[in-house]
Amino acid sequence: MELDIQLNCADVNWQFVAETLKRVGMAYAEPAAHRKSFENSQVAVFIRREGQLIGFGRAISDGVFQAAIYDVAVVPEYQAKGIGTIIIKTITDKLSDCNFILYAAPGKEGFYQKLGFRKMKTGMALFRQARRMQERGFTE
């Protein structure tokens, strides 16, 4: 399968990004909010096949020590085909000197563990929608 890796936000269909996040059960917002979050990120990765967007992810970072990975999503038809791995490896290669944190959707931890991520014992969160995040299994 031939894939194109795009490292900028040009010609991205933000409605598709929002719909994909919703479709895979992740947090989503209005397309303009996703555009702003990707444009304000240190690294943005978009994977296309035959011109069609099939996966994406982003990282915010100080570019020196710390980075946080967000919004890694692959359309269901292309999941389990290595697309998510390409997204994560592209991000970590671009910020190779950084430590990384992320929070995985419940049930997806194994994917990240295969890529070398480990569960944190001291991770803490302060969510705007604390009750919803607890109900979804992100917090105690």
N, C-alpha and C. Protein backbone atom coordinates (compact mmCIF):
# COMPACT_ATOMS: atom_id res chain seq x y z
N MET A 1 0.85 -1.17 0.00
CA MET A 1 0.00 0.00 0.00
C MET A 1 0.90 1.23 0.00
N GLU A 2 0.74 2.08 -0.99
CA GLU A 2 1.53 3.30 -1.08
C GLU A 2 0.83 4.43 -0.33
N LEU A 3 1.58 5.06 0.57
CA LEU A 3 1.03 6.12 1.42
C LEU A 3 1.84 7.40 1.24
N ASP A 4 1.16 8.51 1.39
CA ASP A 4 1.82 9.81 1.39
C ASP A 4 1.75 10.37 2.80
N ILE A 5 2.88 10.84 3.30
CA ILE A 5 2.95 11.47 4.62
C ILE A 5 3.05 12.97 4.42
N GLN A 6 2.12 13.69 5.00
CA GLN A 6 2.08 15.15 4.90
C GLN A 6 2.37 15.73 6.27
N LEU A 7 3.30 16.68 6.32
CA LEU A 7 3.71 17.27 7.60
C LEU A 7 3.29 18.73 7.73
N ASN A 8 2.25 19.11 7.04
CA ASN A 8 1.71 20.46 7.19
C ASN A 8 0.19 20.37 7.09
N CYS A 9 -0.46 21.48 7.32
CA CYS A 9 -1.92 21.50 7.38
C CYS A 9 -2.58 21.97 6.09
N ALA A 10 -1.83 22.01 5.01
CA ALA A 10 -2.37 22.47 3.73
C ALA A 10 -3.39 21.47 3.18
N ASP A 11 -4.48 21.99 2.68
CA ASP A 11 -5.50 21.18 1.99
C ASP A 11 -6.07 20.05 2.84
N VAL A 12 -6.19 20.26 4.13
CA VAL A 12 -6.80 19.26 4.99
C VAL A 12 -8.30 19.57 5.10
N ASN A 13 -9.10 18.54 4.96
CA ASN A 13 -10.54 18.66 5.12
C ASN A 13 -10.84 18.53 6.61
N TRP A 14 -11.02 19.65 7.29
CA TRP A 14 -11.19 19.65 8.74
C TRP A 14 -12.51 19.04 9.17
N GLN A 15 -13.51 19.10 8.33
CA GLN A 15 -14.78 18.41 8.62
C GLN A 15 -14.52 16.91 8.70
N PHE A 16 -13.70 16.39 7.78
CA PHE A 16 -13.36 14.97 7.79
C PHE A 16 -12.59 14.61 9.06
N VAL A 17 -11.70 15.48 9.50
CA VAL A 17 -10.95 15.25 10.74
C VAL A 17 -11.93 15.12 11.90
N ALA A 18 -12.84 16.08 12.03
CA ALA A 18 -13.82 16.04 13.12
C ALA A 18 -14.68 14.79 13.04
N GLU A 19 -15.14 14.45 11.84
CA GLU A 19 -15.99 13.26 11.67
C GLU A 19 -15.22 11.98 11.98
N THR A 20 -13.96 11.92 11.61
CA THR A 20 -13.15 10.73 11.89
C THR A 20 -12.96 10.57 13.39
N LEU A 21 -12.63 11.65 14.09
CA LEU A 21 -12.48 11.57 15.54
C LEU A 21 -13.76 11.08 16.19
N LYS A 22 -14.88 11.60 15.75
CA LYS A 22 -16.17 11.15 16.28
C LYS A 22 -16.40 9.68 15.96
N ARG A 23 -16.12 9.31 14.74
CA ARG A 23 -16.34 7.94 14.27
C ARG A 23 -15.54 6.91 15.05
N VAL A 24 -14.32 7.26 15.45
CA VAL A 24 -13.49 6.31 16.20
C VAL A 24 -13.65 6.44 17.71
N GLY A 25 -14.59 7.28 18.16
CA GLY A 25 -14.89 7.37 19.58
C GLY A 25 -13.99 8.29 20.37
N MET A 26 -13.34 9.23 19.69
CA MET A 26 -12.46 10.17 20.38
C MET A 26 -13.16 11.52 20.54
N ALA A 27 -12.56 12.38 21.33
CA ALA A 27 -13.11 13.72 21.53
C ALA A 27 -13.04 14.48 20.21
N TYR A 28 -14.09 15.21 19.92
CA TYR A 28 -14.13 15.98 18.68
C TYR A 28 -14.85 17.29 18.94
N ALA A 29 -14.62 18.23 18.03
CA ALA A 29 -15.21 19.57 18.16
C ALA A 29 -15.56 20.06 16.76
N GLU A 30 -15.85 21.34 16.67
CA GLU A 30 -16.10 21.94 15.37
C GLU A 30 -14.82 21.88 14.54
N PRO A 31 -14.94 21.74 13.23
CA PRO A 31 -13.76 21.65 12.36
C PRO A 31 -12.75 22.78 12.57
N ALA A 32 -13.21 23.99 12.79
CA ALA A 32 -12.30 25.12 12.97
C ALA A 32 -11.42 24.94 14.21
N ALA A 33 -11.96 24.32 15.25
CA ALA A 33 -11.17 24.08 16.46
C ALA A 33 -10.06 23.06 16.19
N HIS A 34 -10.36 22.04 15.43
CA HIS A 34 -9.33 21.06 15.08
C HIS A 34 -8.27 21.69 14.21
N ARG A 35 -8.67 22.53 13.29
CA ARG A 35 -7.69 23.22 12.45
C ARG A 35 -6.73 24.03 13.31
N LYS A 36 -7.29 24.78 14.24
CA LYS A 36 -6.45 25.61 15.11
C LYS A 36 -5.51 24.75 15.95
N SER A 37 -6.00 23.63 16.48
CA SER A 37 -5.16 22.79 17.33
C SER A 37 -4.02 22.16 16.53
N PHE A 38 -4.28 21.72 15.31
CA PHE A 38 -3.21 21.14 14.48
C PHE A 38 -2.23 22.23 14.04
N GLU A 39 -2.74 23.38 13.64
CA GLU A 39 -1.85 24.45 13.19
C GLU A 39 -0.96 24.96 14.32
N ASN A 40 -1.43 24.89 15.55
CA ASN A 40 -0.65 25.36 16.70
C ASN A 40 0.25 24.28 17.28
N SER A 41 0.29 23.11 16.69
CA SER A 41 1.11 22.01 17.16
C SER A 41 2.51 22.07 16.56
N GLN A 42 3.47 21.53 17.30
CA GLN A 42 4.85 21.47 16.82
C GLN A 42 4.98 20.54 15.62
N VAL A 43 4.26 19.42 15.68
CA VAL A 43 4.28 18.43 14.59
C VAL A 43 2.84 18.04 14.29
N ALA A 44 2.50 18.04 13.02
CA ALA A 44 1.21 17.55 12.54
C ALA A 44 1.49 16.55 11.43
N VAL A 45 0.85 15.41 11.50
CA VAL A 45 1.06 14.34 10.52
C VAL A 45 -0.28 13.94 9.93
N PHE A 46 -0.33 13.89 8.62
CA PHE A 46 -1.51 13.44 7.90
C PHE A 46 -1.09 12.35 6.94
N ILE A 47 -1.79 11.24 6.95
CA ILE A 47 -1.48 10.12 6.06
C ILE A 47 -2.60 10.03 5.01
N ARG A 48 -2.16 9.97 3.77
CA ARG A 48 -3.10 9.86 2.65
C ARG A 48 -2.79 8.62 1.82
N ARG A 49 -3.83 8.06 1.28
CA ARG A 49 -3.69 6.97 0.30
C ARG A 49 -4.51 7.38 -0.92
N GLU A 50 -3.85 7.46 -2.05
CA GLU A 50 -4.48 7.88 -3.30
C GLU A 50 -5.22 9.21 -3.11
N GLY A 51 -4.58 10.12 -2.37
CA GLY A 51 -5.12 11.45 -2.15
C GLY A 51 -6.15 11.56 -1.04
N GLN A 52 -6.63 10.44 -0.52
CA GLN A 52 -7.66 10.43 0.52
C GLN A 52 -7.02 10.37 1.89
N LEU A 53 -7.43 11.27 2.78
CA LEU A 53 -6.94 11.28 4.16
C LEU A 53 -7.44 10.03 4.88
N ILE A 54 -6.50 9.28 5.47
CA ILE A 54 -6.90 8.06 6.17
C ILE A 54 -6.42 8.01 7.62
N GLY A 55 -5.57 8.96 8.01
CA GLY A 55 -5.10 8.99 9.39
C GLY A 55 -4.35 10.27 9.68
N PHE A 56 -4.24 10.59 10.97
CA PHE A 56 -3.58 11.83 11.37
C PHE A 56 -3.22 11.78 12.84
N GLY A 57 -2.39 12.72 13.25
CA GLY A 57 -2.01 12.87 14.64
C GLY A 57 -1.18 14.13 14.79
N ARG A 58 -0.94 14.53 16.02
CA ARG A 58 -0.19 15.76 16.26
C ARG A 58 0.52 15.70 17.60
N ALA A 59 1.48 16.60 17.77
CA ALA A 59 2.18 16.71 19.05
C ALA A 59 2.45 18.18 19.36
N ILE A 60 2.27 18.53 20.61
CA ILE A 60 2.71 19.83 21.09
C ILE A 60 4.00 19.59 21.85
N SER A 61 4.90 20.58 21.81
CA SER A 61 6.20 20.34 22.40
C SER A 61 6.95 21.64 22.64
N ASP A 62 7.92 21.58 23.55
CA ASP A 62 8.87 22.68 23.69
C ASP A 62 10.03 22.49 22.72
N GLY A 63 10.05 21.34 22.05
CA GLY A 63 11.07 21.06 21.05
C GLY A 63 12.43 20.68 21.62
N VAL A 64 12.52 20.60 22.94
CA VAL A 64 13.80 20.31 23.59
C VAL A 64 13.67 19.11 24.54
N PHE A 65 12.72 19.18 25.47
CA PHE A 65 12.62 18.16 26.51
C PHE A 65 11.32 17.36 26.46
N GLN A 66 10.19 18.04 26.28
CA GLN A 66 8.89 17.41 26.49
C GLN A 66 7.99 17.54 25.27
N ALA A 67 7.16 16.52 25.06
CA ALA A 67 6.16 16.55 24.00
C ALA A 67 4.95 15.74 24.45
N ALA A 68 3.81 16.11 23.95
CA ALA A 68 2.57 15.39 24.22
C ALA A 68 1.88 15.10 22.90
N ILE A 69 1.48 13.86 22.72
CA ILE A 69 0.86 13.41 21.48
C ILE A 69 -0.66 13.41 21.67
N TYR A 70 -1.34 13.92 20.64
CA TYR A 70 -2.80 14.02 20.67
C TYR A 70 -3.42 13.64 19.33
N ASP A 71 -4.69 13.32 19.38
CA ASP A 71 -5.54 13.17 18.19
C ASP A 71 -5.00 12.19 17.17
N VAL A 72 -4.41 11.10 17.62
CA VAL A 72 -3.98 10.07 16.69
C VAL A 72 -5.21 9.23 16.33
N ALA A 73 -5.57 9.26 15.06
CA ALA A 73 -6.76 8.54 14.62
C ALA A 73 -6.54 8.00 13.21
N VAL A 74 -7.08 6.83 12.97
CA VAL A 74 -7.05 6.20 11.66
C VAL A 74 -8.47 5.76 11.34
N VAL A 75 -8.92 6.04 10.12
CA VAL A 75 -10.28 5.64 9.76
C VAL A 75 -10.39 4.12 9.93
N PRO A 76 -11.53 3.64 10.39
CA PRO A 76 -11.67 2.21 10.71
C PRO A 76 -11.25 1.26 9.60
N GLU A 77 -11.50 1.60 8.35
CA GLU A 77 -11.16 0.70 7.25
C GLU A 77 -9.66 0.47 7.11
N TYR A 78 -8.85 1.36 7.68
CA TYR A 78 -7.40 1.25 7.57
C TYR A 78 -6.72 0.94 8.90
N GLN A 79 -7.49 0.68 9.93
CA GLN A 79 -6.89 0.33 11.22
C GLN A 79 -6.27 -1.06 11.13
N ALA A 80 -5.26 -1.29 11.97
CA ALA A 80 -4.53 -2.56 12.02
C ALA A 80 -3.75 -2.84 10.74
N LYS A 81 -3.35 -1.77 10.04
CA LYS A 81 -2.54 -1.90 8.83
C LYS A 81 -1.23 -1.13 8.93
N GLY A 82 -0.88 -0.70 10.16
CA GLY A 82 0.38 0.00 10.38
C GLY A 82 0.33 1.51 10.22
N ILE A 83 -0.84 2.07 9.95
CA ILE A 83 -0.97 3.51 9.74
C ILE A 83 -0.71 4.27 11.04
N GLY A 84 -1.30 3.80 12.14
CA GLY A 84 -1.07 4.44 13.44
C GLY A 84 0.40 4.41 13.83
N THR A 85 1.06 3.31 13.54
CA THR A 85 2.48 3.20 13.84
C THR A 85 3.28 4.23 13.04
N ILE A 86 2.93 4.42 11.78
CA ILE A 86 3.62 5.42 10.96
C ILE A 86 3.42 6.81 11.56
N ILE A 87 2.22 7.11 12.00
CA ILE A 87 1.94 8.43 12.59
C ILE A 87 2.80 8.64 13.84
N ILE A 88 2.78 7.67 14.74
CA ILE A 88 3.54 7.80 15.99
C ILE A 88 5.03 7.88 15.70
N LYS A 89 5.55 7.03 14.85
CA LYS A 89 7.00 7.05 14.56
C LYS A 89 7.41 8.35 13.87
N THR A 90 6.55 8.89 13.03
CA THR A 90 6.88 10.16 12.39
C THR A 90 6.97 11.26 13.44
N ILE A 91 6.01 11.29 14.36
CA ILE A 91 6.03 12.30 15.42
C ILE A 91 7.28 12.13 16.29
N THR A 92 7.54 10.92 16.74
CA THR A 92 8.68 10.71 17.65
C THR A 92 10.01 10.95 16.93
N ASP A 93 10.09 10.67 15.65
CA ASP A 93 11.32 10.98 14.90
C ASP A 93 11.54 12.48 14.78
N LYS A 94 10.47 13.24 14.58
CA LYS A 94 10.58 14.70 14.44
C LYS A 94 10.97 15.37 15.75
N LEU A 95 10.66 14.75 16.86
CA LEU A 95 10.96 15.30 18.19
C LEU A 95 11.82 14.30 18.96
N SER A 96 12.87 13.82 18.34
CA SER A 96 13.62 12.66 18.84
C SER A 96 14.30 12.87 20.19
N ASP A 97 14.54 14.10 20.60
CA ASP A 97 15.20 14.34 21.88
C ASP A 97 14.22 14.47 23.04
N CYS A 98 12.94 14.39 22.76
CA CYS A 98 11.92 14.66 23.78
C CYS A 98 11.42 13.40 24.48
N ASN A 99 10.95 13.61 25.70
CA ASN A 99 10.12 12.62 26.40
C ASN A 99 8.70 12.82 25.89
N PHE A 100 7.92 11.75 25.81
CA PHE A 100 6.56 11.84 25.30
C PHE A 100 5.55 11.37 26.32
N ILE A 101 4.43 12.06 26.36
CA ILE A 101 3.28 11.59 27.12
C ILE A 101 2.08 11.58 26.18
N LEU A 102 1.10 10.80 26.53
CA LEU A 102 -0.17 10.80 25.80
C LEU A 102 -1.19 10.11 26.67
N TYR A 103 -2.44 10.29 26.37
CA TYR A 103 -3.42 9.44 26.99
C TYR A 103 -4.17 8.71 25.89
N ALA A 104 -4.26 7.41 26.10
CA ALA A 104 -4.87 6.53 25.11
C ALA A 104 -6.34 6.34 25.43
N ALA A 105 -7.12 6.13 24.41
CA ALA A 105 -8.51 5.75 24.63
C ALA A 105 -8.51 4.40 25.36
N PRO A 106 -9.40 4.24 26.33
CA PRO A 106 -9.45 2.95 27.04
C PRO A 106 -9.55 1.80 26.04
N GLY A 107 -8.68 0.82 26.24
CA GLY A 107 -8.64 -0.33 25.34
C GLY A 107 -7.57 -0.24 24.27
N LYS A 108 -7.00 0.95 24.08
CA LYS A 108 -5.96 1.14 23.06
C LYS A 108 -4.55 1.18 23.63
N GLU A 109 -4.43 0.96 24.93
CA GLU A 109 -3.12 1.04 25.57
C GLU A 109 -2.11 0.06 24.96
N GLY A 110 -2.57 -1.10 24.58
CA GLY A 110 -1.69 -2.12 24.02
C GLY A 110 -0.99 -1.67 22.75
N PHE A 111 -1.69 -0.90 21.92
CA PHE A 111 -1.08 -0.37 20.70
C PHE A 111 0.14 0.47 21.05
N TYR A 112 -0.01 1.36 22.02
CA TYR A 112 1.10 2.24 22.41
C TYR A 112 2.21 1.47 23.13
N GLN A 113 1.84 0.46 23.90
CA GLN A 113 2.86 -0.35 24.58
C GLN A 113 3.74 -1.05 23.56
N LYS A 114 3.19 -1.51 22.45
CA LYS A 114 3.98 -2.16 21.40
C LYS A 114 5.01 -1.19 20.80
N LEU A 115 4.76 0.10 20.93
CA LEU A 115 5.66 1.12 20.39
C LEU A 115 6.62 1.66 21.45
N GLY A 116 6.63 1.03 22.63
CA GLY A 116 7.58 1.41 23.67
C GLY A 116 7.02 2.30 24.76
N PHE A 117 5.78 2.74 24.66
CA PHE A 117 5.18 3.57 25.71
C PHE A 117 4.86 2.69 26.91
N ARG A 118 4.97 3.27 28.09
CA ARG A 118 4.67 2.55 29.33
C ARG A 118 3.67 3.35 30.15
N LYS A 119 2.86 2.63 30.92
CA LYS A 119 1.90 3.30 31.79
C LYS A 119 2.65 4.09 32.86
N MET A 120 2.13 5.27 33.15
CA MET A 120 2.73 6.11 34.18
C MET A 120 2.07 5.83 35.53
N LYS A 121 2.86 5.87 36.57
CA LYS A 121 2.32 5.69 37.91
C LYS A 121 1.91 7.01 38.54
N THR A 122 2.40 8.10 38.01
CA THR A 122 2.14 9.40 38.62
C THR A 122 1.37 10.34 37.72
N GLY A 123 0.80 9.84 36.64
CA GLY A 123 0.06 10.71 35.74
C GLY A 123 -1.17 11.28 36.42
N MET A 124 -1.42 12.53 36.16
CA MET A 124 -2.57 13.22 36.74
C MET A 124 -3.28 13.97 35.63
N ALA A 125 -4.57 14.25 35.81
CA ALA A 125 -5.33 14.98 34.80
C ALA A 125 -6.31 15.92 35.48
N LEU A 126 -6.54 17.03 34.85
CA LEU A 126 -7.56 17.98 35.26
C LEU A 126 -8.37 18.29 34.01
N PHE A 127 -9.47 17.58 33.83
CA PHE A 127 -10.30 17.72 32.63
C PHE A 127 -11.42 18.70 32.84
N ARG A 128 -11.76 19.43 31.79
CA ARG A 128 -12.91 20.35 31.85
C ARG A 128 -14.20 19.57 32.08
N GLN A 129 -14.31 18.41 31.48
CA GLN A 129 -15.50 17.56 31.63
C GLN A 129 -15.13 16.33 32.47
N ALA A 130 -14.79 16.59 33.73
CA ALA A 130 -14.24 15.55 34.60
C ALA A 130 -15.16 14.34 34.72
N ARG A 131 -16.43 14.55 34.91
CA ARG A 131 -17.37 13.43 35.08
C ARG A 131 -17.43 12.58 33.82
N ARG A 132 -17.48 13.21 32.67
CA ARG A 132 -17.52 12.48 31.40
C ARG A 132 -16.25 11.65 31.20
N MET A 133 -15.11 12.22 31.52
CA MET A 133 -13.85 11.50 31.35
C MET A 133 -13.75 10.33 32.34
N GLN A 134 -14.31 10.49 33.51
CA GLN A 134 -14.34 9.39 34.47
C GLN A 134 -15.26 8.28 33.95
N GLU A 135 -16.42 8.65 33.43
CA GLU A 135 -17.35 7.67 32.90
C GLU A 135 -16.76 6.90 31.72
N ARG A 136 -15.90 7.55 30.96
CA ARG A 136 -15.26 6.91 29.79
C ARG A 136 -14.04 6.10 30.19
N GLY A 137 -13.66 6.12 31.48
CA GLY A 137 -12.58 5.28 31.96
C GLY A 137 -11.20 5.92 31.95
N PHE A 138 -11.12 7.24 31.75
CA PHE A 138 -9.81 7.90 31.72
C PHE A 138 -9.27 8.22 33.11
N THR A 139 -10.16 8.41 34.08
CA THR A 139 -9.72 8.76 35.44
C THR A 139 -10.44 7.91 36.45
N GLU A 140 -9.92 7.92 37.67
CA GLU A 140 -10.55 7.18 38.77
C GLU A 140 -11.76 7.91 39.26
